[in-house]
PDB file of N, CA and C in Angstrom:
ATOM      1  N   UNK A   1      30.645 -26.387 -37.123  1.00  0.00           N
ATOM      2  CA  UNK A   1      30.737 -24.862 -36.926  1.00  0.00           C
ATOM      3  C   UNK A   1      29.378 -24.377 -36.985  1.00  0.00           C
ATOM      4  N   UNK A   2      28.926 -23.638 -36.487  1.00  0.00           N
ATOM      5  CA  UNK A   2      27.658 -22.522 -36.648  1.00  0.00           C
ATOM      6  C   UNK A   2      28.206 -21.504 -37.137  1.00  0.00           C
ATOM      7  N   UNK A   3      27.223 -20.657 -37.704  1.00  0.00           N
ATOM      8  CA  UNK A   3      27.304 -19.357 -38.418  1.00  0.00           C
ATOM      9  C   UNK A   3      26.431 -18.388 -38.178  1.00  0.00           C
ATOM     10  N   UNK A   4      26.752 -17.221 -37.555  1.00  0.00           N
ATOM     11  CA  UNK A   4      25.744 -16.274 -37.474  1.00  0.00           C
ATOM     12  C   UNK A   4      26.140 -14.812 -37.275  1.00  0.00           C
ATOM     13  N   UNK A   5      25.164 -13.832 -37.223  1.00  0.00           N
ATOM     14  CA  UNK A   5      25.448 -12.274 -37.081  1.00  0.00           C
ATOM     15  C   UNK A   5      25.731 -11.955 -35.469  1.00  0.00           C
ATOM     16  N   UNK A   6      26.600 -11.382 -35.358  1.00  0.00           N
ATOM     17  CA  UNK A   6      26.812 -10.539 -33.903  1.00  0.00           C
ATOM     18  C   UNK A   6      25.290  -9.520 -33.910  1.00  0.00           C
ATOM     19  N   UNK A   7      24.526  -9.956 -32.813  1.00  0.00           N
ATOM     20  CA  UNK A   7      23.253  -9.001 -32.718  1.00  0.00           C
ATOM     21  C   UNK A   7      23.834  -7.852 -32.076  1.00  0.00           C
ATOM     22  N   UNK A   8      24.372  -8.045 -30.790  1.00  0.00           N
ATOM     23  CA  UNK A   8      24.992  -6.710 -30.162  1.00  0.00           C
ATOM     24  C   UNK A   8      26.199  -7.305 -29.294  1.00  0.00           C
ATOM     25  N   UNK A   9      27.086  -6.459 -28.908  1.00  0.00           N
ATOM     26  CA  UNK A   9      28.065  -6.766 -27.969  1.00  0.00           C
ATOM     27  C   UNK A   9      28.755  -5.556 -27.180  1.00  0.00           C
ATOM     28  N   UNK A  10      28.698  -5.579 -26.044  1.00  0.00           N
ATOM     29  CA  UNK A  10      28.968  -4.384 -24.966  1.00  0.00           C
ATOM     30  C   UNK A  10      30.312  -4.455 -24.901  1.00  0.00           C
ATOM     31  N   UNK A  11      31.119  -3.637 -25.503  1.00  0.00           N
ATOM     32  CA  UNK A  11      32.659  -3.563 -25.611  1.00  0.00           C
ATOM     33  C   UNK A  11      33.139  -3.495 -24.112  1.00  0.00           C
ATOM     34  N   UNK A  12      32.614  -2.697 -23.395  1.00  0.00           N
ATOM     35  CA  UNK A  12      32.972  -2.224 -21.868  1.00  0.00           C
ATOM     36  C   UNK A  12      32.901  -3.397 -20.891  1.00  0.00           C
ATOM     37  N   UNK A  13      31.757  -4.182 -21.118  1.00  0.00           N
ATOM     38  CA  UNK A  13      31.434  -5.588 -20.295  1.00  0.00           C
ATOM     39  C   UNK A  13      31.987  -6.536 -21.286  1.00  0.00           C
ATOM     40  N   UNK A  14      32.413  -6.517 -21.948  1.00  0.00           N
ATOM     41  CA  UNK A  14      32.913  -7.970 -22.821  1.00  0.00           C
ATOM     42  C   UNK A  14      31.983  -8.929 -23.470  1.00  0.00           C
ATOM     43  N   UNK A  15      30.794  -8.746 -23.140  1.00  0.00           N
ATOM     44  CA  UNK A  15      29.618  -9.677 -23.598  1.00  0.00           C
ATOM     45  C   UNK A  15      28.369  -9.515 -24.412  1.00  0.00           C
ATOM     46  N   UNK A  16      27.967 -10.063 -24.865  1.00  0.00           N
ATOM     47  CA  UNK A  16      26.890  -9.856 -25.914  1.00  0.00           C
ATOM     48  C   UNK A  16      26.126 -11.209 -26.504  1.00  0.00           C
ATOM     49  N   UNK A  17      25.398 -10.960 -27.807  1.00  0.00           N
ATOM     50  CA  UNK A  17      24.604 -12.439 -28.121  1.00  0.00           C
ATOM     51  C   UNK A  17      25.017 -12.525 -29.833  1.00  0.00           C
ATOM     52  N   UNK A  18      25.114 -13.299 -30.212  1.00  0.00           N
ATOM     53  CA  UNK A  18      25.173 -13.681 -31.715  1.00  0.00           C
ATOM     54  C   UNK A  18      23.479 -14.341 -32.297  1.00  0.00           C
ATOM     55  N   UNK A  19      23.351 -13.698 -33.325  1.00  0.00           N
ATOM     56  CA  UNK A  19      21.819 -14.399 -33.683  1.00  0.00           C
ATOM     57  C   UNK A  19      22.276 -15.461 -34.922  1.00  0.00           C
ATOM     58  N   UNK A  20      21.846 -16.581 -34.547  1.00  0.00           N
ATOM     59  CA  UNK A  20      22.225 -17.874 -35.305  1.00  0.00           C
ATOM     60  C   UNK A  20      21.396 -17.641 -36.723  1.00  0.00           C
ATOM     61  N   UNK A  21      21.895 -18.453 -37.738  1.00  0.00           N
ATOM     62  CA  UNK A  21      21.087 -18.616 -39.123  1.00  0.00           C
ATOM     63  C   UNK A  21      19.802 -19.361 -38.580  1.00  0.00           C
ATOM     64  N   UNK A  22      19.676 -20.134 -37.957  1.00  0.00           N
ATOM     65  CA  UNK A  22      18.699 -20.980 -37.336  1.00  0.00           C
ATOM     66  C   UNK A  22      19.096 -21.364 -36.128  1.00  0.00           C
ATOM     67  N   UNK A  23      17.767 -21.132 -35.396  1.00  0.00           N
ATOM     68  CA  UNK A  23      17.976 -21.443 -33.793  1.00  0.00           C
ATOM     69  C   UNK A  23      17.981 -20.159 -32.778  1.00  0.00           C
ATOM     70  N   UNK A  24      17.840 -20.571 -31.762  1.00  0.00           N
ATOM     71  CA  UNK A  24      18.289 -19.278 -30.559  1.00  0.00           C
ATOM     72  C   UNK A  24      19.112 -18.526 -30.763  1.00  0.00           C
ATOM     73  N   UNK A  25      19.360 -17.429 -30.162  1.00  0.00           N
ATOM     74  CA  UNK A  25      20.428 -16.325 -29.908  1.00  0.00           C
ATOM     75  C   UNK A  25      21.460 -17.171 -28.999  1.00  0.00           C
ATOM     76  N   UNK A  26      22.840 -16.751 -28.881  1.00  0.00           N
ATOM     77  CA  UNK A  26      23.856 -17.422 -28.431  1.00  0.00           C
ATOM     78  C   UNK A  26      24.670 -16.382 -27.380  1.00  0.00           C
ATOM     79  N   UNK A  27      24.542 -16.410 -26.332  1.00  0.00           N
ATOM     80  CA  UNK A  27      25.495 -15.907 -25.538  1.00  0.00           C
ATOM     81  C   UNK A  27      27.068 -15.866 -26.188  1.00  0.00           C
ATOM     82  N   UNK A  28      27.875 -14.760 -26.109  1.00  0.00           N
ATOM     83  CA  UNK A  28      29.185 -14.464 -26.293  1.00  0.00           C
ATOM     84  C   UNK A  28      29.614 -13.617 -25.375  1.00  0.00           C
ATOM     85  N   UNK A  29      31.329 -14.195 -24.735  1.00  0.00           N
ATOM     86  CA  UNK A  29      32.114 -13.788 -23.978  1.00  0.00           C
ATOM     87  C   UNK A  29      33.304 -13.355 -24.458  1.00  0.00           C
ATOM     88  N   UNK A  30      34.218 -12.303 -24.534  1.00  0.00           N
ATOM     89  CA  UNK A  30      35.022 -11.934 -25.100  1.00  0.00           C
ATOM     90  C   UNK A  30      36.311 -12.696 -25.124  1.00  0.00           C
ATOM     91  N   UNK A  31      36.424 -13.424 -23.927  1.00  0.00           N
ATOM     92  CA  UNK A  31      37.206 -14.535 -23.723  1.00  0.00           C
ATOM     93  C   UNK A  31      37.366 -15.898 -24.687  1.00  0.00           C
ATOM     94  N   UNK A  32      36.386 -15.772 -25.661  1.00  0.00           N
ATOM     95  CA  UNK A  32      36.040 -17.183 -26.332  1.00  0.00           C
ATOM     96  C   UNK A  32      36.520 -16.534 -28.077  1.00  0.00           C
ATOM     97  N   UNK A  33      36.424 -15.195 -28.243  1.00  0.00           N
ATOM     98  CA  UNK A  33      37.001 -14.684 -29.364  1.00  0.00           C
ATOM     99  C   UNK A  33      38.576 -14.723 -29.645  1.00  0.00           C
ATOM    100  N   UNK A  34      38.905 -15.565 -30.969  1.00  0.00           N
ATOM    101  CA  UNK A  34      40.241 -15.927 -31.288  1.00  0.00           C
ATOM    102  C   UNK A  34      40.736 -14.599 -31.813  1.00  0.00           C
ATOM    103  N   UNK A  35      41.956 -14.560 -31.704  1.00  0.00           N
ATOM    104  CA  UNK A  35      42.716 -13.411 -32.199  1.00  0.00           C
ATOM    105  C   UNK A  35      43.321 -12.754 -31.016  1.00  0.00           C
ATOM    106  N   UNK A  36      44.299 -11.768 -31.757  1.00  0.00           N
ATOM    107  CA  UNK A  36      45.167 -11.299 -30.674  1.00  0.00           C
ATOM    108  C   UNK A  36      44.881  -9.756 -30.360  1.00  0.00           C
ATOM    109  N   UNK A  37      45.347  -9.066 -29.274  1.00  0.00           N
ATOM    110  CA  UNK A  37      45.035  -7.889 -29.192  1.00  0.00           C
ATOM    111  C   UNK A  37      43.451  -7.660 -28.618  1.00  0.00           C
ATOM    112  N   UNK A  38      42.718  -6.516 -28.582  1.00  0.00           N
ATOM    113  CA  UNK A  38      41.501  -6.141 -27.934  1.00  0.00           C
ATOM    114  C   UNK A  38      40.744  -7.206 -28.857  1.00  0.00           C
ATOM    115  N   UNK A  39      39.786  -7.924 -27.717  1.00  0.00           N
ATOM    116  CA  UNK A  39      38.717  -8.928 -28.061  1.00  0.00           C
ATOM    117  C   UNK A  39      37.314  -8.289 -28.351  1.00  0.00           C
ATOM    118  N   UNK A  40      36.968  -7.840 -29.507  1.00  0.00           N
ATOM    119  CA  UNK A  40      35.757  -7.258 -29.574  1.00  0.00           C
ATOM    120  C   UNK A  40      34.857  -7.696 -30.719  1.00  0.00           C
ATOM    121  N   UNK A  41      33.598  -7.569 -30.532  1.00  0.00           N
ATOM    122  CA  UNK A  41      32.737  -7.854 -31.916  1.00  0.00           C
ATOM    123  C   UNK A  41      32.069  -6.554 -32.191  1.00  0.00           C
ATOM    124  N   UNK A  42      31.672  -6.614 -33.527  1.00  0.00           N
ATOM    125  CA  UNK A  42      30.915  -5.457 -34.068  1.00  0.00           C
ATOM    126  C   UNK A  42      29.512  -5.851 -34.479  1.00  0.00           C
ATOM    127  N   UNK A  43      28.606  -5.412 -34.265  1.00  0.00           N
ATOM    128  CA  UNK A  43      26.857  -5.651 -34.687  1.00  0.00           C
ATOM    129  C   UNK A  43      26.966  -6.042 -36.145  1.00  0.00           C
ATOM    130  N   UNK A  44      26.375  -6.765 -36.254  1.00  0.00           N
ATOM    131  CA  UNK A  44      26.251  -7.455 -37.782  1.00  0.00           C
ATOM    132  C   UNK A  44      27.372  -8.247 -38.514  1.00  0.00           C
ATOM    133  N   UNK A  45      28.424  -8.261 -37.636  1.00  0.00           N
ATOM    134  CA  UNK A  45      29.609  -9.057 -37.890  1.00  0.00           C
ATOM    135  C   UNK A  45      29.452 -10.361 -38.005  1.00  0.00           C
ATOM    136  N   UNK A  46      29.830 -11.245 -39.193  1.00  0.00           N
ATOM    137  CA  UNK A  46      29.327 -12.616 -39.439  1.00  0.00           C
ATOM    138  C   UNK A  46      30.849 -13.226 -38.728  1.00  0.00           C
ATOM    139  N   UNK A  47      30.437 -14.272 -37.945  1.00  0.00           N
ATOM    140  CA  UNK A  47      31.104 -15.112 -37.169  1.00  0.00           C
ATOM    141  C   UNK A  47      30.689 -16.705 -37.472  1.00  0.00           C
ATOM    142  N   UNK A  48      31.723 -17.245 -37.062  1.00  0.00           N
ATOM    143  CA  UNK A  48      31.694 -18.979 -36.961  1.00  0.00           C
ATOM    144  C   UNK A  48      32.022 -19.492 -35.596  1.00  0.00           C
ATOM    145  N   UNK A  49      31.155 -20.134 -35.067  1.00  0.00           N
ATOM    146  CA  UNK A  49      31.586 -20.457 -33.814  1.00  0.00           C
ATOM    147  C   UNK A  49      30.937 -22.142 -33.399  1.00  0.00           C
ATOM    148  N   UNK A  50      31.470 -22.448 -32.155  1.00  0.00           N
ATOM    149  CA  UNK A  50      30.873 -23.750 -31.830  1.00  0.00           C
ATOM    150  C   UNK A  50      30.050 -23.335 -30.574  1.00  0.00           C
ATOM    151  N   UNK A  51      29.071 -24.202 -30.404  1.00  0.00           N
ATOM    152  CA  UNK A  51      27.753 -23.994 -29.048  1.00  0.00           C
ATOM    153  C   UNK A  51      28.004 -25.165 -28.167  1.00  0.00           C
ATOM    154  N   UNK A  52      28.189 -24.392 -26.838  1.00  0.00           N
ATOM    155  CA  UNK A  52      28.087 -25.185 -25.833  1.00  0.00           C
ATOM    156  C   UNK A  52      26.865 -24.745 -24.670  1.00  0.00           C
ATOM    157  N   UNK A  53      26.527 -26.013 -23.948  1.00  0.00           N
ATOM    158  CA  UNK A  53      25.374 -25.444 -22.811  1.00  0.00           C
ATOM    159  C   UNK A  53      26.372 -24.915 -21.708  1.00  0.00           C
ATOM    160  N   UNK A  54      25.822 -23.692 -21.511  1.00  0.00           N
ATOM    161  CA  UNK A  54      26.676 -23.195 -20.420  1.00  0.00           C
ATOM    162  C   UNK A  54      26.044 -23.142 -19.072  1.00  0.00           C
ATOM    163  N   UNK A  55      26.245 -22.371 -17.966  1.00  0.00           N
ATOM    164  CA  UNK A  55      25.238 -22.414 -16.819  1.00  0.00           C
ATOM    165  C   UNK A  55      23.728 -21.608 -17.014  1.00  0.00           C
ATOM    166  N   UNK A  56      23.632 -20.644 -17.902  1.00  0.00           N
ATOM    167  CA  UNK A  56      22.556 -20.222 -18.212  1.00  0.00           C
ATOM    168  C   UNK A  56      22.128 -20.224 -19.352  1.00  0.00           C
ATOM    169  N   UNK A  57      22.632 -21.336 -20.256  1.00  0.00           N
ATOM    170  CA  UNK A  57      22.123 -21.420 -21.678  1.00  0.00           C
ATOM    171  C   UNK A  57      23.016 -21.655 -22.708  1.00  0.00           C
ATOM    172  N   UNK A  58      22.792 -21.303 -23.958  1.00  0.00           N
ATOM    173  CA  UNK A  58      23.878 -21.857 -24.864  1.00  0.00           C
ATOM    174  C   UNK A  58      24.715 -20.511 -24.835  1.00  0.00           C
ATOM    175  N   UNK A  59      26.057 -20.965 -24.927  1.00  0.00           N
ATOM    176  CA  UNK A  59      27.299 -20.192 -25.275  1.00  0.00           C
ATOM    177  C   UNK A  59      28.095 -20.472 -26.247  1.00  0.00           C
ATOM    178  N   UNK A  60      28.429 -19.495 -26.930  1.00  0.00           N
ATOM    179  CA  UNK A  60      29.569 -19.654 -28.040  1.00  0.00           C
ATOM    180  C   UNK A  60      30.948 -19.636 -27.442  1.00  0.00           C
ATOM    181  N   UNK A  61      31.706 -20.722 -28.253  1.00  0.00           N
ATOM    182  CA  UNK A  61      33.076 -21.001 -27.895  1.00  0.00           C
ATOM    183  C   UNK A  61      33.787 -21.133 -29.029  1.00  0.00           C
ATOM    184  N   UNK A  62      35.369 -20.695 -29.103  1.00  0.00           N
ATOM    185  CA  UNK A  62      35.803 -20.844 -30.529  1.00  0.00           C
ATOM    186  C   UNK A  62      35.438 -19.739 -31.200  1.00  0.00           C
ATOM    187  N   UNK A  63      35.122 -18.550 -31.124  1.00  0.00           N
ATOM    188  CA  UNK A  63      34.185 -17.637 -32.070  1.00  0.00           C
ATOM    189  C   UNK A  63      35.421 -17.168 -32.945  1.00  0.00           C
ATOM    190  N   UNK A  64      35.330 -17.251 -34.255  1.00  0.00           N
ATOM    191  CA  UNK A  64      36.087 -16.735 -35.196  1.00  0.00           C
ATOM    192  C   UNK A  64      35.300 -15.800 -36.320  1.00  0.00           C
ATOM    193  N   UNK A  65      36.167 -14.497 -36.952  1.00  0.00           N
ATOM    194  CA  UNK A  65      35.426 -13.798 -37.519  1.00  0.00           C
ATOM    195  C   UNK A  65      35.341 -14.455 -39.130  1.00  0.00           C
ATOM    196  N   UNK A  66      34.144 -14.186 -39.850  1.00  0.00           N
ATOM    197  CA  UNK A  66      34.165 -14.920 -41.074  1.00  0.00           C
ATOM    198  C   UNK A  66      33.748 -13.847 -41.951  1.00  0.00           C
ATOM    199  N   UNK A  67      33.304 -12.749 -41.621  1.00  0.00           N
ATOM    200  CA  UNK A  67      33.156 -11.619 -42.641  1.00  0.00           C
ATOM    201  C   UNK A  67      32.883 -10.242 -41.871  1.00  0.00           C
ATOM    202  N   UNK A  68      33.004  -8.930 -42.765  1.00  0.00           N
ATOM    203  CA  UNK A  68      32.821  -7.683 -42.080  1.00  0.00           C
ATOM    204  C   UNK A  68      31.560  -7.652 -41.743  1.00  0.00           C
ATOM    205  N   UNK A  69      31.228  -6.503 -40.987  1.00  0.00           N
ATOM    206  CA  UNK A  69      29.881  -6.179 -40.417  1.00  0.00           C
ATOM    207  C   UNK A  69      29.265  -5.812 -41.735  1.00  0.00           C
ATOM    208  N   UNK A  70      27.953  -5.958 -41.929  1.00  0.00           N
ATOM    209  CA  UNK A  70      27.373  -5.510 -42.980  1.00  0.00           C
ATOM    210  C   UNK A  70      26.179  -4.269 -42.652  1.00  0.00           C
TER     211      UNK A  70
END
């Protein structure tokens, strides 16, 4: 699994980008965030995720919270 920090996430639209430790930024959609209740991410939150090639580029899937936003 890859590790990165949330670059930004639009809670209203349900998508944003994760900055990888190495490599390009990765698109993230709320439907790929693990957990119950409201699925959202916070700027600088540390996450673990898998990467797949989507129709418009790299996409994060199976996103897990790894640590608090700093």
